[in-house]
């Protein structure tokens, strides 16, 4: 899945923050610390990041028509 451009609930632009979020996870920080540093205060925006799963590599393995 690809992160949406805007939050579905409030409409705040969030896609530009996803790369920074992934870098923070790789560096070993907790999700709470990363989301606080990015300035995401609303629970709807935070849930968009926490509920995201990268399945692009899995989907690419299947045949295309």
N, C-alpha and C. Protein backbone atom coordinates (compact mmCIF):
# COMPACT_ATOMS: atom_id res chain seq x y z
N UNK A 1 0.84 -1.19 0.00
CA UNK A 1 0.00 0.00 0.00
C UNK A 1 0.88 1.25 0.00
N UNK A 2 0.35 2.27 -0.56
CA UNK A 2 1.04 3.54 -0.61
C UNK A 2 0.33 4.49 0.36
N UNK A 3 1.09 5.24 1.11
CA UNK A 3 0.51 6.17 2.08
C UNK A 3 -0.33 7.20 1.33
N UNK A 4 -1.52 7.51 1.83
CA UNK A 4 -2.35 8.51 1.14
C UNK A 4 -1.74 9.92 1.25
N UNK A 5 -2.08 10.76 0.30
CA UNK A 5 -1.56 12.13 0.29
C UNK A 5 -2.06 12.89 1.51
N UNK A 6 -3.34 12.74 1.79
CA UNK A 6 -3.97 13.44 2.92
C UNK A 6 -4.60 12.44 3.87
N UNK A 7 -4.74 12.86 5.13
CA UNK A 7 -5.44 12.04 6.12
C UNK A 7 -6.90 11.93 5.70
N UNK A 8 -7.44 10.73 5.82
CA UNK A 8 -8.82 10.51 5.40
C UNK A 8 -9.82 11.28 6.27
N UNK A 9 -9.50 11.47 7.54
CA UNK A 9 -10.44 12.10 8.46
C UNK A 9 -10.39 13.63 8.45
N UNK A 10 -9.19 14.17 8.62
CA UNK A 10 -9.09 15.62 8.78
C UNK A 10 -8.60 16.35 7.54
N UNK A 11 -7.98 15.64 6.60
CA UNK A 11 -7.52 16.27 5.37
C UNK A 11 -6.14 16.89 5.42
N UNK A 12 -5.41 16.67 6.51
CA UNK A 12 -4.06 17.23 6.64
C UNK A 12 -3.10 16.48 5.70
N UNK A 13 -2.23 17.18 4.96
CA UNK A 13 -1.25 16.51 4.12
C UNK A 13 -0.23 15.75 4.97
N UNK A 14 -0.06 14.46 4.69
CA UNK A 14 0.83 13.64 5.52
C UNK A 14 1.83 12.83 4.71
N UNK A 15 1.67 12.71 3.40
CA UNK A 15 2.51 11.83 2.60
C UNK A 15 3.98 12.24 2.62
N UNK A 16 4.26 13.52 2.72
CA UNK A 16 5.64 13.98 2.70
C UNK A 16 6.40 13.60 3.97
N UNK A 17 5.71 13.16 5.01
CA UNK A 17 6.34 12.80 6.26
C UNK A 17 6.67 11.32 6.37
N UNK A 18 6.20 10.51 5.42
CA UNK A 18 6.33 9.06 5.54
C UNK A 18 7.78 8.60 5.46
N UNK A 19 8.57 9.19 4.60
CA UNK A 19 9.99 8.79 4.49
C UNK A 19 10.74 9.07 5.80
N UNK A 20 10.46 10.20 6.42
CA UNK A 20 11.09 10.53 7.70
C UNK A 20 10.66 9.54 8.78
N UNK A 21 9.41 9.11 8.72
CA UNK A 21 8.89 8.13 9.66
C UNK A 21 9.63 6.80 9.50
N UNK A 22 9.81 6.35 8.27
CA UNK A 22 10.51 5.09 8.02
C UNK A 22 11.98 5.17 8.45
N UNK A 23 12.63 6.31 8.22
CA UNK A 23 14.02 6.49 8.65
C UNK A 23 14.13 6.44 10.17
N UNK A 24 13.15 7.03 10.86
CA UNK A 24 13.14 6.99 12.32
C UNK A 24 12.97 5.59 12.85
N UNK A 25 12.15 4.79 12.18
CA UNK A 25 11.97 3.41 12.60
C UNK A 25 13.24 2.61 12.42
N UNK A 26 13.95 2.85 11.33
CA UNK A 26 15.21 2.14 11.08
C UNK A 26 16.29 2.51 12.09
N UNK A 27 16.22 3.75 12.59
CA UNK A 27 17.23 4.18 13.56
C UNK A 27 16.94 3.67 14.97
N UNK A 28 15.76 3.05 15.17
CA UNK A 28 15.47 2.43 16.46
C UNK A 28 14.64 3.27 17.41
N UNK A 29 14.13 4.38 16.97
CA UNK A 29 13.29 5.20 17.84
C UNK A 29 11.91 4.58 17.97
N UNK A 30 11.22 4.93 19.05
CA UNK A 30 9.86 4.42 19.21
C UNK A 30 8.91 5.21 18.31
N UNK A 31 7.80 4.60 17.96
CA UNK A 31 6.84 5.25 17.08
C UNK A 31 6.31 6.55 17.67
N UNK A 32 6.11 6.57 18.98
CA UNK A 32 5.60 7.76 19.65
C UNK A 32 6.57 8.93 19.49
N UNK A 33 7.85 8.68 19.69
CA UNK A 33 8.86 9.73 19.55
C UNK A 33 8.90 10.27 18.12
N UNK A 34 8.83 9.37 17.16
CA UNK A 34 8.89 9.79 15.75
C UNK A 34 7.69 10.65 15.39
N UNK A 35 6.51 10.21 15.76
CA UNK A 35 5.29 10.96 15.43
C UNK A 35 5.25 12.31 16.13
N UNK A 36 5.77 12.37 17.35
CA UNK A 36 5.85 13.65 18.06
C UNK A 36 6.82 14.61 17.36
N UNK A 37 7.95 14.08 16.91
CA UNK A 37 8.93 14.93 16.21
C UNK A 37 8.39 15.45 14.88
N UNK A 38 7.58 14.63 14.22
CA UNK A 38 7.00 15.04 12.93
C UNK A 38 5.85 16.03 13.10
N UNK A 39 5.37 16.21 14.31
CA UNK A 39 4.31 17.17 14.56
C UNK A 39 2.91 16.62 14.32
N UNK A 40 2.77 15.31 14.33
CA UNK A 40 1.46 14.70 14.16
C UNK A 40 0.80 14.54 15.53
N UNK A 41 -0.18 15.39 15.81
CA UNK A 41 -0.82 15.39 17.11
C UNK A 41 -2.18 14.70 17.10
N UNK A 42 -2.87 14.76 15.98
CA UNK A 42 -4.21 14.18 15.91
C UNK A 42 -4.12 12.66 15.82
N UNK A 43 -5.02 11.98 16.50
CA UNK A 43 -4.98 10.52 16.49
C UNK A 43 -5.33 9.95 15.14
N UNK A 44 -6.08 10.68 14.33
CA UNK A 44 -6.43 10.16 13.00
C UNK A 44 -5.19 10.13 12.11
N UNK A 45 -4.36 11.15 12.17
CA UNK A 45 -3.14 11.17 11.36
C UNK A 45 -2.13 10.15 11.87
N UNK A 46 -2.04 9.99 13.17
CA UNK A 46 -1.11 9.02 13.74
C UNK A 46 -1.50 7.60 13.34
N UNK A 47 -2.80 7.35 13.30
CA UNK A 47 -3.25 6.00 12.94
C UNK A 47 -2.96 5.67 11.48
N UNK A 48 -2.91 6.70 10.62
CA UNK A 48 -2.58 6.47 9.22
C UNK A 48 -1.15 5.91 9.09
N UNK A 49 -0.23 6.37 9.92
CA UNK A 49 1.14 5.89 9.88
C UNK A 49 1.28 4.55 10.57
N UNK A 50 0.61 4.38 11.70
CA UNK A 50 0.76 3.14 12.45
C UNK A 50 0.06 1.97 11.77
N UNK A 51 -0.98 2.24 11.00
CA UNK A 51 -1.71 1.19 10.31
C UNK A 51 -1.19 0.87 8.93
N UNK A 52 -0.15 1.55 8.50
CA UNK A 52 0.40 1.37 7.16
C UNK A 52 1.27 0.12 7.10
N UNK A 53 1.09 -0.68 6.06
CA UNK A 53 1.97 -1.83 5.86
C UNK A 53 2.49 -1.79 4.42
N UNK A 54 3.78 -2.04 4.26
CA UNK A 54 4.40 -2.01 2.94
C UNK A 54 4.22 -3.36 2.27
N UNK A 55 3.33 -3.45 1.31
CA UNK A 55 3.08 -4.71 0.61
C UNK A 55 3.48 -4.64 -0.85
N UNK A 56 4.14 -3.59 -1.26
CA UNK A 56 4.49 -3.41 -2.67
C UNK A 56 5.41 -4.53 -3.17
N UNK A 57 6.40 -4.92 -2.36
CA UNK A 57 7.31 -5.98 -2.77
C UNK A 57 6.56 -7.31 -2.91
N UNK A 58 5.61 -7.57 -2.05
CA UNK A 58 4.83 -8.79 -2.12
C UNK A 58 3.95 -8.82 -3.37
N UNK A 59 3.33 -7.72 -3.68
CA UNK A 59 2.44 -7.65 -4.84
C UNK A 59 3.23 -7.76 -6.14
N UNK A 60 4.44 -7.24 -6.17
CA UNK A 60 5.26 -7.29 -7.38
C UNK A 60 5.66 -8.70 -7.79
N UNK A 61 5.58 -9.66 -6.86
CA UNK A 61 5.96 -11.03 -7.17
C UNK A 61 4.94 -11.74 -8.08
N UNK A 62 3.71 -11.26 -8.11
CA UNK A 62 2.67 -11.92 -8.87
C UNK A 62 2.72 -11.53 -10.35
N UNK A 63 2.21 -12.43 -11.19
CA UNK A 63 2.19 -12.20 -12.63
C UNK A 63 1.31 -11.03 -12.98
N UNK A 64 1.71 -10.32 -14.01
CA UNK A 64 0.90 -9.24 -14.54
C UNK A 64 0.30 -9.68 -15.86
N UNK A 65 -0.87 -9.26 -16.15
CA UNK A 65 -1.56 -9.68 -17.38
C UNK A 65 -1.13 -8.88 -18.55
